[in-house]
Protein backbone atom coordinates (compact mmCIF):
# COMPACT_ATOMS: atom_id res chain seq x y z
CA MET A 1 125.52 136.82 166.62
CA THR A 2 123.58 137.44 169.81
CA HIS A 3 123.45 140.96 171.12
CA PHE A 4 122.54 142.22 174.58
CA SER A 5 118.91 143.25 175.04
CA LYS A 6 117.98 146.73 176.26
CA GLU A 7 117.67 145.45 179.82
CA GLN A 8 120.91 143.68 179.68
CA ILE A 9 122.60 146.91 178.26
CA PHE A 10 121.42 148.89 181.34
CA THR A 11 122.79 145.94 183.70
CA VAL A 12 126.17 146.20 181.78
CA GLY A 13 126.08 150.07 182.25
CA ASP A 14 125.57 149.81 186.02
CA ALA A 15 128.40 147.14 186.07
CA ALA A 16 130.60 149.70 184.09
CA ALA A 17 129.84 152.56 186.62
CA MET A 18 130.62 150.27 189.61
CA ALA A 19 133.80 148.88 187.95
CA GLU A 20 135.09 152.46 187.30
CA GLU A 21 134.57 153.46 190.95
CA LEU A 22 136.09 150.28 192.26
CA VAL A 23 139.19 150.38 190.10
CA SER A 24 139.66 154.29 190.62
CA ASN A 25 139.43 153.71 194.50
CA SER A 26 141.89 150.68 194.26
CA TYR A 27 144.36 152.68 192.39
CA LYS A 28 143.74 155.69 194.77
CA MET A 29 143.00 157.91 191.64
CA SER A 30 140.93 161.07 191.80
CA ALA A 31 138.10 161.96 189.40
CA SER A 32 140.53 164.17 187.41
CA GLN A 33 143.20 161.44 187.32
CA TRP A 34 140.54 158.90 186.21
CA LEU A 35 139.27 161.06 183.45
CA TRP A 36 142.74 161.43 181.93
CA HIS A 37 142.45 157.69 181.05
CA ARG A 38 140.52 158.12 177.90
CA TYR A 39 138.44 155.02 177.21
CA ASP A 40 134.98 153.92 176.03
CA VAL A 41 133.01 150.67 176.61
CA LYS A 42 131.14 149.30 173.51
CA THR A 43 129.02 146.36 172.97
CA LEU A 44 128.75 144.25 169.87
CA ALA A 45 126.29 146.35 168.22
CA ASP A 46 128.73 149.32 168.19
CA LEU A 47 131.76 147.42 167.15
CA ALA A 48 133.48 147.52 163.72
CA PRO A 49 134.15 144.21 162.17
CA GLY A 50 137.79 144.37 163.03
CA GLU A 51 137.00 144.90 166.64
CA ILE A 52 135.10 141.80 167.04
CA VAL A 53 136.92 138.50 168.16
CA GLU A 54 135.89 135.05 168.92
CA GLY A 55 136.70 133.44 172.43
CA PRO A 56 137.31 136.26 174.86
CA PHE A 57 134.64 137.96 176.64
CA ALA A 58 136.25 141.42 175.75
CA GLN A 59 139.28 143.09 174.29
CA ILE A 60 140.87 146.29 174.52
CA VAL A 61 141.75 148.15 171.29
CA ARG A 62 144.15 151.10 171.47
CA TYR A 63 143.83 154.09 169.21
CA ARG A 64 145.94 157.29 169.00
CA GLY A 65 143.73 160.45 169.57
CA GLN A 66 144.45 163.93 168.99
CA LYS A 67 142.66 167.08 169.67
CA SER A 68 141.15 168.63 166.50
CA GLU A 69 142.69 172.06 167.07
CA THR A 70 146.24 170.83 167.57
CA SER A 71 148.75 169.79 164.78
CA LEU A 72 151.58 168.67 166.93
CA GLY A 73 152.18 164.87 167.59
CA SER A 74 153.03 165.68 171.28
CA SER A 75 149.48 166.37 171.83
CA SER A 76 148.31 162.89 170.85
CA TYR A 77 146.98 160.54 173.48
CA ASP A 78 146.01 156.85 173.75
CA PHE A 79 142.34 156.17 173.51
CA TYR A 80 141.19 152.67 174.61
CA LYS A 81 138.02 150.94 173.61
CA ILE A 82 136.75 148.13 175.71
CA CYS A 83 135.02 145.87 173.13
CA LEU A 84 132.43 143.47 174.94
CA MET A 85 131.59 140.42 173.16
CA ASP A 86 127.92 140.14 173.85
CA HIS A 87 127.73 136.65 171.97
CA THR A 88 130.56 135.15 174.19
CA ILE A 89 129.34 136.55 177.43
CA LEU A 90 125.67 135.41 176.80
CA SER A 91 126.90 132.02 175.80
CA ALA A 92 128.88 131.59 179.06
CA LEU A 93 125.79 132.65 181.00
CA GLU A 94 123.79 130.21 179.19
CA SER A 95 126.32 127.49 179.78
CA ASP A 96 126.81 127.98 183.44
CA ARG A 97 123.35 128.73 185.06
CA ASP A 98 125.14 129.91 188.36
CA LEU A 99 126.52 132.91 186.70
CA ARG A 100 124.65 136.27 186.56
CA LEU A 101 125.13 139.08 184.14
CA PHE A 102 125.84 141.95 186.68
CA PRO A 103 128.63 140.24 188.62
CA PHE A 104 130.12 138.73 185.30
CA ALA A 105 129.97 142.12 183.52
CA LEU A 106 131.46 143.75 186.65
CA TYR A 107 134.42 141.41 186.78
CA ILE A 108 134.94 141.72 182.96
CA LEU A 109 134.85 145.45 183.21
CA CYS A 110 137.13 145.64 186.30
CA HIS A 111 139.57 143.42 184.66
CA GLU A 112 139.63 145.44 181.36
CA LEU A 113 139.90 148.83 183.40
CA ILE A 114 142.76 147.45 185.36
CA HIS A 115 144.50 146.70 182.06
CA ILE A 116 143.95 150.34 180.87
CA VAL A 117 145.27 151.74 184.22
CA ARG A 118 148.41 149.44 184.04
CA PHE A 119 149.00 150.68 180.56
CA ALA A 120 148.54 154.37 181.19
CA LYS A 121 150.88 154.03 184.38
CA PHE A 122 153.57 152.22 182.27
CA LEU A 123 153.19 149.17 184.50
CA GLN A 124 152.67 146.99 181.23
CA SER A 125 153.27 147.53 177.68
CA PHE A 126 150.31 147.28 175.46
CA HIS A 127 152.72 145.52 172.87
CA ALA A 128 154.25 142.84 175.16
CA SER A 129 155.44 139.47 174.08
CA GLN A 130 153.10 136.54 174.22
CA GLU A 131 154.67 135.27 177.32
CA GLU A 132 154.64 138.47 179.08
CA LYS A 133 150.82 138.87 178.16
CA MET A 134 150.09 135.62 179.67
CA ALA A 135 151.73 136.77 182.95
CA GLU A 136 150.06 140.12 182.85
CA GLU A 137 146.64 138.32 182.45
CA ASN A 138 147.41 136.37 185.62
CA ARG A 139 148.34 139.51 187.46
CA VAL A 140 145.28 141.42 186.31
CA HIS A 141 143.03 138.41 187.37
CA GLN A 142 144.59 138.58 190.76
CA LYS A 143 144.02 142.27 191.08
CA THR A 144 140.43 141.89 189.80
CA ARG A 145 139.64 139.28 192.47
CA GLU A 146 141.31 141.46 195.05
CA VAL A 147 139.19 144.64 194.03
CA LEU A 148 135.96 142.47 194.01
CA ASN A 149 136.73 140.92 197.39
CA SER A 150 136.24 144.37 198.87
CA VAL A 151 132.49 144.56 198.06
CA ARG A 152 129.33 142.49 198.43
CA VAL A 153 127.83 141.47 195.03
CA PRO A 154 125.28 138.73 194.84
CA GLY A 155 126.66 136.04 192.69
CA LYS A 156 130.14 136.83 193.32
CA GLU A 157 131.08 133.37 194.66
CA ALA A 158 129.83 131.59 191.60
CA LEU A 159 131.73 134.18 189.48
CA PHE A 160 134.99 133.37 191.41
CA ALA A 161 134.29 129.58 191.09
CA PHE A 162 133.80 130.22 187.19
CA TYR A 163 136.98 132.15 187.00
CA LYS A 164 138.87 129.54 189.10
CA ALA A 165 138.61 127.11 186.19
CA TRP A 166 140.18 129.67 183.99
CA GLU A 167 143.18 130.31 186.24
CA ALA A 168 144.55 126.75 186.26
CA PRO A 169 145.31 126.74 182.57
CA MET A 170 147.02 130.09 182.73
CA ASP A 171 149.07 128.99 185.79
CA ALA A 172 150.23 125.97 183.82
CA ALA A 173 151.15 127.76 180.87
CA ILE A 174 153.23 130.24 182.69
CA ALA A 175 154.95 127.49 184.80
CA SER A 176 155.89 125.61 181.74
CA GLN A 177 157.80 128.56 180.17
């Protein structure tokens, strides 16, 4: 499987920093509120075999965390890992020459961070039915577009055109249910 280069890792890191700021601003969250949502972003090189999937550009894996100095279950918390699929992202970039890594990674990371905020605020269950997951994907794509519409990012129009092709199958799947 293809991994991000060092230069691409820096680009993804810049996109992650911007995505965090955009999503926290969109949900009007202070820095202390944002840090409460415990998550990490990992690329393919740092993923365990069970965290790697074929198809999606990323997935969120939820773990239960607990501070080492506590023994009570009430002190446990959700820890989310955003698992980026380098190989799938790079394949999409190769297939669509209009796409650029920074805006693509920004979209993916905003999208995944919006999911995490929605899980943490109990706006969506992590263990929803398949039908509800499809509806949630549509809501999160709409919110991601809304968040990114507020900023100027070179390559954003090509990115939105790319994702427009992905929205139609989701809309059809939701309408048929």
